[in-house]
Amino acid sequence: MYRGIKVLVILSLICMSVNAVPPDYDEATCIGIEDGILRQITGYCTYYYFCEAEIGYLEDCKAYGDFQFDATTGTCEPPEYVNCVEEPEYPEYPEYPDPETQAPVQPTLPPAVQTTAIAITTPLDSNGITDVVCPTNRPGEILFFESLNCTEYYICANGVKLTMKCIDGFVFNPDDKQCDHPVYNPRCSNLSFDPNRNVKCNRHGFYTAPYPLDCTKYVFCAEGIPIIQQCPIGTGWHIDRCIAKKHTLCADPAKVRY
């Protein structure tokens, strides 16, 4: 009977491992990596990490449809174009003693530790925007905060504050916690931008487009929101994917737009 229970426990843990989701962020995978680089996650076909300030933030190709992450091109592609097989790593389980022959061992519990959240209470102006102090007792949770600068916002991850900047022509929308058109943030609706530097996306749909300021990057449009993506090292954007630089506009500096 004991052996049967042991087998059921192991099978349950294996099932949990198969359905497990990678952590929301990873502090090791992007060390020494440029911002905007996408890193593959071993054992997963749709998840990848987006590198920003040497921290990898979890993203999922399934958010854009039935896609898988292609580590070669650094893009989300249909499964038939991606050679990926999910092979989760199963943990090793120790041998448990027979309860009929070994006396039970009472566990030693660590002393209780009381934690206190760091409150964000320092107002900056009449708009109610506060000075951001990232809490250190909320691991694994990513928090977004508005900045006095309409085109910037803050991300708190594991107690670390990161300053993020929206693409030209967009401001931070505190309600949806994303970069958006100025009309969706009343405080910033009167701002003007250079239309020649503004990357426009249709309000509906998901698609990619060239980034006009750098041939090694491209724009992923998600329901009207432009998201700048970086091609892998040694490649540039061409029509609908990242390919070798020698076959793109990057090969001819006279044609590259910055």
Protein backbone atom coordinates (compact mmCIF):
# COMPACT_ATOMS: atom_id res chain seq x y z
CA MET A 1 0.00 0.00 0.00
CA TYR A 2 2.83 2.40 0.91
CA ARG A 3 4.56 1.76 -2.42
CA GLY A 4 1.28 2.52 -4.23
CA ILE A 5 0.93 5.86 -2.42
CA LYS A 6 4.54 6.71 -3.27
CA VAL A 7 3.92 6.08 -7.00
CA LEU A 8 0.81 8.29 -6.96
CA VAL A 9 2.73 11.13 -5.30
CA ILE A 10 5.52 10.93 -7.89
CA LEU A 11 3.02 10.90 -10.79
CA SER A 12 1.23 13.94 -9.34
CA LEU A 13 4.51 15.86 -9.05
CA ILE A 14 5.41 14.96 -12.63
CA CYS A 15 2.06 16.29 -13.88
CA MET A 16 2.62 19.51 -11.94
CA SER A 17 6.07 19.83 -13.55
CA VAL A 18 4.63 19.43 -17.07
CA ASN A 19 2.09 22.21 -16.53
CA ALA A 20 4.50 24.50 -14.65
CA VAL A 21 4.99 28.05 -15.91
CA PRO A 22 8.46 29.69 -15.78
CA PRO A 23 8.99 32.50 -13.22
CA ASP A 24 7.68 35.97 -14.17
CA TYR A 25 11.26 37.25 -14.22
CA ASP A 26 14.78 35.83 -14.13
CA GLU A 27 17.82 37.67 -12.73
CA ALA A 28 20.44 35.37 -14.29
CA THR A 29 19.49 34.78 -17.94
CA CYS A 30 20.11 38.39 -19.10
CA ILE A 31 23.34 39.25 -17.25
CA GLY A 32 25.66 41.00 -19.72
CA ILE A 33 22.93 40.96 -22.41
CA GLU A 34 21.77 44.10 -24.28
CA ASP A 35 18.27 45.47 -23.64
CA GLY A 36 15.65 44.14 -26.04
CA ILE A 37 17.29 40.75 -26.63
CA LEU A 38 14.93 37.76 -26.37
CA ARG A 39 16.23 34.64 -24.57
CA GLN A 40 14.89 31.13 -25.10
CA ILE A 41 13.73 29.13 -22.05
CA THR A 42 14.90 25.51 -22.15
CA GLY A 43 12.03 23.03 -22.11
CA TYR A 44 9.35 25.52 -23.22
CA CYS A 45 8.15 26.26 -26.74
CA THR A 46 6.03 29.39 -26.28
CA TYR A 47 7.67 31.19 -23.35
CA TYR A 48 10.73 33.45 -23.60
CA TYR A 49 12.45 36.18 -21.57
CA PHE A 50 12.64 39.83 -22.73
CA CYS A 51 15.90 41.37 -21.45
CA GLU A 52 15.67 44.81 -19.84
CA ALA A 53 18.35 46.20 -17.47
CA GLU A 54 19.90 42.69 -17.20
CA ILE A 55 16.62 41.20 -15.93
CA GLY A 56 14.59 38.75 -18.03
CA TYR A 57 10.81 39.37 -18.04
CA LEU A 58 8.56 36.48 -19.00
CA GLU A 59 6.53 36.75 -22.21
CA ASP A 60 4.39 34.18 -24.01
CA CYS A 61 3.91 33.82 -27.77
CA LYS A 62 0.44 32.37 -27.10
CA ALA A 63 -0.68 35.90 -26.21
CA TYR A 64 -0.59 36.63 -29.96
CA GLY A 65 -2.26 33.39 -31.14
CA ASP A 66 -1.11 29.83 -31.86
CA PHE A 67 2.61 30.70 -32.03
CA GLN A 68 5.87 29.32 -30.68
CA PHE A 69 9.14 31.12 -29.96
CA ASP A 70 11.81 30.77 -32.65
CA ALA A 71 15.23 31.23 -31.00
CA THR A 72 16.92 31.57 -34.42
CA THR A 73 14.93 34.63 -35.50
CA GLY A 74 13.89 35.86 -32.06
CA THR A 75 10.24 36.03 -33.10
CA CYS A 76 6.93 34.27 -32.48
CA GLU A 77 6.19 31.99 -35.44
CA PRO A 78 3.57 29.33 -36.38
CA PRO A 79 4.49 25.91 -34.91
CA GLU A 80 5.16 24.39 -38.33
CA TYR A 81 8.10 26.80 -38.79
CA VAL A 82 9.60 26.16 -35.35
CA ASN A 83 11.48 22.99 -34.42
CA CYS A 84 10.56 22.82 -30.74
CA VAL A 85 9.59 19.92 -28.47
CA GLU A 86 8.75 20.65 -24.86
CA GLU A 87 10.86 18.47 -22.60
CA PRO A 88 10.32 19.54 -18.99
CA GLU A 89 13.06 18.63 -16.56
CA TYR A 90 11.69 16.31 -13.91
CA PRO A 91 13.19 16.71 -10.43
CA GLU A 92 14.90 13.84 -8.67
CA TYR A 93 12.90 12.46 -5.77
CA PRO A 94 14.61 10.97 -2.69
CA GLU A 95 14.02 7.47 -1.41
CA TYR A 96 11.55 7.56 1.46
CA PRO A 97 12.08 5.17 4.42
CA ASP A 98 9.52 2.51 5.25
CA PRO A 99 7.33 3.97 8.05
CA GLU A 100 6.98 0.49 9.59
CA THR A 101 10.73 0.17 10.26
CA GLN A 102 11.83 3.77 10.96
CA ALA A 103 10.64 6.02 13.77
CA PRO A 104 9.14 9.35 12.65
CA VAL A 105 11.39 12.42 12.85
CA GLN A 106 9.91 15.63 14.22
CA PRO A 107 10.75 18.57 11.91
CA THR A 108 12.52 21.63 13.31
CA LEU A 109 10.64 24.77 12.30
CA PRO A 110 12.52 28.06 11.75
CA PRO A 111 11.61 31.04 13.93
CA ALA A 112 8.81 33.22 12.60
CA VAL A 113 9.95 36.35 10.75
CA GLN A 114 7.72 39.39 10.69
CA THR A 115 7.82 41.44 7.49
CA THR A 116 6.73 45.01 6.97
CA ALA A 117 5.74 46.49 3.59
CA ILE A 118 7.37 49.74 2.48
CA ALA A 119 4.58 52.24 1.89
CA ILE A 120 4.58 54.59 -1.10
CA THR A 121 3.38 57.78 0.55
CA THR A 122 5.50 60.73 -0.64
CA PRO A 123 3.37 62.92 -2.97
CA LEU A 124 5.15 64.85 -5.71
CA ASP A 125 2.48 67.14 -7.16
CA SER A 126 -1.23 67.96 -7.31
CA ASN A 127 -1.83 65.09 -9.75
CA GLY A 128 -1.37 62.65 -6.89
CA ILE A 129 1.71 61.01 -8.41
CA THR A 130 3.94 59.61 -5.70
CA ASP A 131 7.66 59.08 -5.27
CA VAL A 132 8.13 55.39 -6.05
CA VAL A 133 9.74 53.22 -3.38
CA CYS A 134 9.67 49.57 -4.44
CA PRO A 135 8.47 47.09 -1.78
CA THR A 136 10.94 44.33 -0.97
CA ASN A 137 8.50 41.80 0.49
CA ARG A 138 6.59 40.93 -2.71
CA PRO A 139 8.91 38.57 -4.65
CA GLY A 140 7.74 37.40 -8.05
CA GLU A 141 5.29 40.31 -8.46
CA ILE A 142 5.83 43.05 -11.07
CA LEU A 143 4.34 46.47 -10.22
CA PHE A 144 3.80 49.47 -12.52
CA PHE A 145 3.83 53.14 -11.43
CA GLU A 146 3.21 56.43 -13.21
CA SER A 147 5.96 59.05 -13.58
CA LEU A 148 5.80 62.86 -13.71
CA ASN A 149 7.22 62.48 -17.22
CA CYS A 150 4.29 61.38 -19.38
CA THR A 151 6.47 59.26 -21.64
CA GLU A 152 8.10 57.35 -18.77
CA TYR A 153 6.92 54.89 -16.13
CA TYR A 154 8.43 52.70 -13.43
CA ILE A 155 8.52 48.94 -12.96
CA CYS A 156 9.21 47.40 -9.56
CA ALA A 157 10.57 43.84 -9.65
CA ASN A 158 11.86 42.14 -6.51
CA GLY A 159 12.48 45.48 -4.82
CA VAL A 160 14.37 46.97 -7.80
CA LYS A 161 12.98 50.07 -9.56
CA LEU A 162 13.44 50.29 -13.34
CA THR A 163 12.71 53.41 -15.39
CA MET A 164 11.01 52.56 -18.69
CA LYS A 165 10.32 54.87 -21.65
CA CYS A 166 7.47 54.69 -24.16
CA ILE A 167 8.16 54.90 -27.89
CA ASP A 168 7.93 58.36 -29.50
CA GLY A 169 4.33 59.54 -29.75
CA PHE A 170 3.02 57.45 -26.86
CA VAL A 171 2.54 58.06 -23.13
CA PHE A 172 2.02 55.78 -20.15
CA ASN A 173 -1.60 54.78 -19.50
CA PRO A 174 -1.87 54.21 -15.71
CA ASP A 175 -5.26 52.51 -16.03
CA ASP A 176 -4.13 49.79 -18.47
CA LYS A 177 -0.49 49.89 -17.24
CA GLN A 178 0.97 50.16 -20.74
CA CYS A 179 2.14 52.73 -23.30
CA ASP A 180 -0.81 54.17 -25.20
CA HIS A 181 -2.02 57.08 -27.31
CA PRO A 182 -2.01 60.43 -25.40
CA VAL A 183 -5.81 60.66 -25.57
CA TYR A 184 -6.03 57.77 -23.07
CA ASN A 185 -4.17 59.73 -20.38
CA PRO A 186 -6.00 63.04 -19.67
CA ARG A 187 -2.95 64.46 -17.87
CA CYS A 188 -0.85 64.08 -21.02
CA SER A 189 -3.46 64.54 -23.78
CA ASN A 190 -2.14 68.00 -24.77
CA LEU A 191 1.39 66.80 -25.57
CA SER A 192 2.63 67.09 -29.17
CA PHE A 193 5.14 64.84 -30.91
CA ASP A 194 7.16 64.91 -34.12
CA PRO A 195 4.96 62.95 -36.57
CA ASN A 196 8.02 61.92 -38.61
CA ARG A 197 9.34 59.90 -35.63
CA ASN A 198 6.00 58.45 -34.57
CA VAL A 199 5.52 54.72 -35.21
CA LYS A 200 1.83 54.22 -35.91
CA CYS A 201 -0.05 50.97 -35.30
CA ASN A 202 -3.63 50.19 -36.23
CA ARG A 203 -5.89 50.11 -33.18
CA HIS A 204 -6.89 46.49 -33.82
CA GLY A 205 -4.90 43.37 -34.68
CA PHE A 206 -1.43 41.91 -34.13
CA TYR A 207 1.32 42.28 -36.76
CA THR A 208 4.94 43.35 -37.30
CA ALA A 209 6.41 46.37 -39.11
CA PRO A 210 9.89 47.84 -39.74
CA TYR A 211 11.29 50.19 -37.10
CA PRO A 212 12.24 53.39 -38.99
CA LEU A 213 15.09 54.42 -36.66
CA ASP A 214 17.17 51.22 -36.53
CA CYS A 215 17.43 48.43 -39.11
CA THR A 216 18.29 45.85 -36.43
CA LYS A 217 14.93 46.34 -34.72
CA TYR A 218 11.28 45.93 -35.65
CA VAL A 219 7.89 46.90 -34.25
CA PHE A 220 5.35 44.40 -32.96
CA CYS A 221 1.91 46.05 -33.08
CA ALA A 222 -0.52 44.69 -30.49
CA GLU A 223 -4.00 46.22 -30.63
CA GLY A 224 -2.60 49.66 -31.48
CA ILE A 225 0.37 49.52 -29.10
CA PRO A 226 3.87 49.46 -30.71
CA ILE A 227 6.39 47.21 -28.95
CA ILE A 228 10.01 47.57 -30.08
CA GLN A 229 11.77 44.22 -30.57
CA GLN A 230 15.50 43.59 -31.15
CA CYS A 231 16.71 41.16 -33.81
CA PRO A 232 19.38 38.64 -32.70
CA ILE A 233 23.03 39.71 -32.99
CA GLY A 234 24.26 39.65 -36.58
CA THR A 235 20.77 39.96 -38.11
CA GLY A 236 18.52 42.76 -39.32
CA TRP A 237 14.85 43.19 -40.14
CA HIS A 238 13.67 42.36 -43.65
CA ILE A 239 9.98 42.39 -44.70
CA ASP A 240 8.57 40.11 -41.99
CA ARG A 241 11.48 38.53 -40.10
CA CYS A 242 15.09 38.90 -38.90
CA ILE A 243 17.67 37.59 -41.38
CA ALA A 244 21.45 37.93 -41.92
CA LYS A 245 22.49 41.61 -42.01
CA LYS A 246 24.17 41.28 -45.42
CA HIS A 247 20.75 40.68 -46.97
CA THR A 248 19.10 43.74 -45.35
CA LEU A 249 19.32 47.53 -45.49
CA CYS A 250 21.88 47.28 -42.68
CA ALA A 251 24.44 46.16 -45.29
CA ASP A 252 24.28 49.58 -46.99
CA PRO A 253 24.77 52.37 -44.39
CA ALA A 254 23.60 54.96 -46.92
CA LYS A 255 20.12 53.41 -46.89
CA VAL A 256 19.79 52.93 -43.14
CA ARG A 257 17.41 55.38 -41.45
CA TYR A 258 18.24 56.59 -37.93
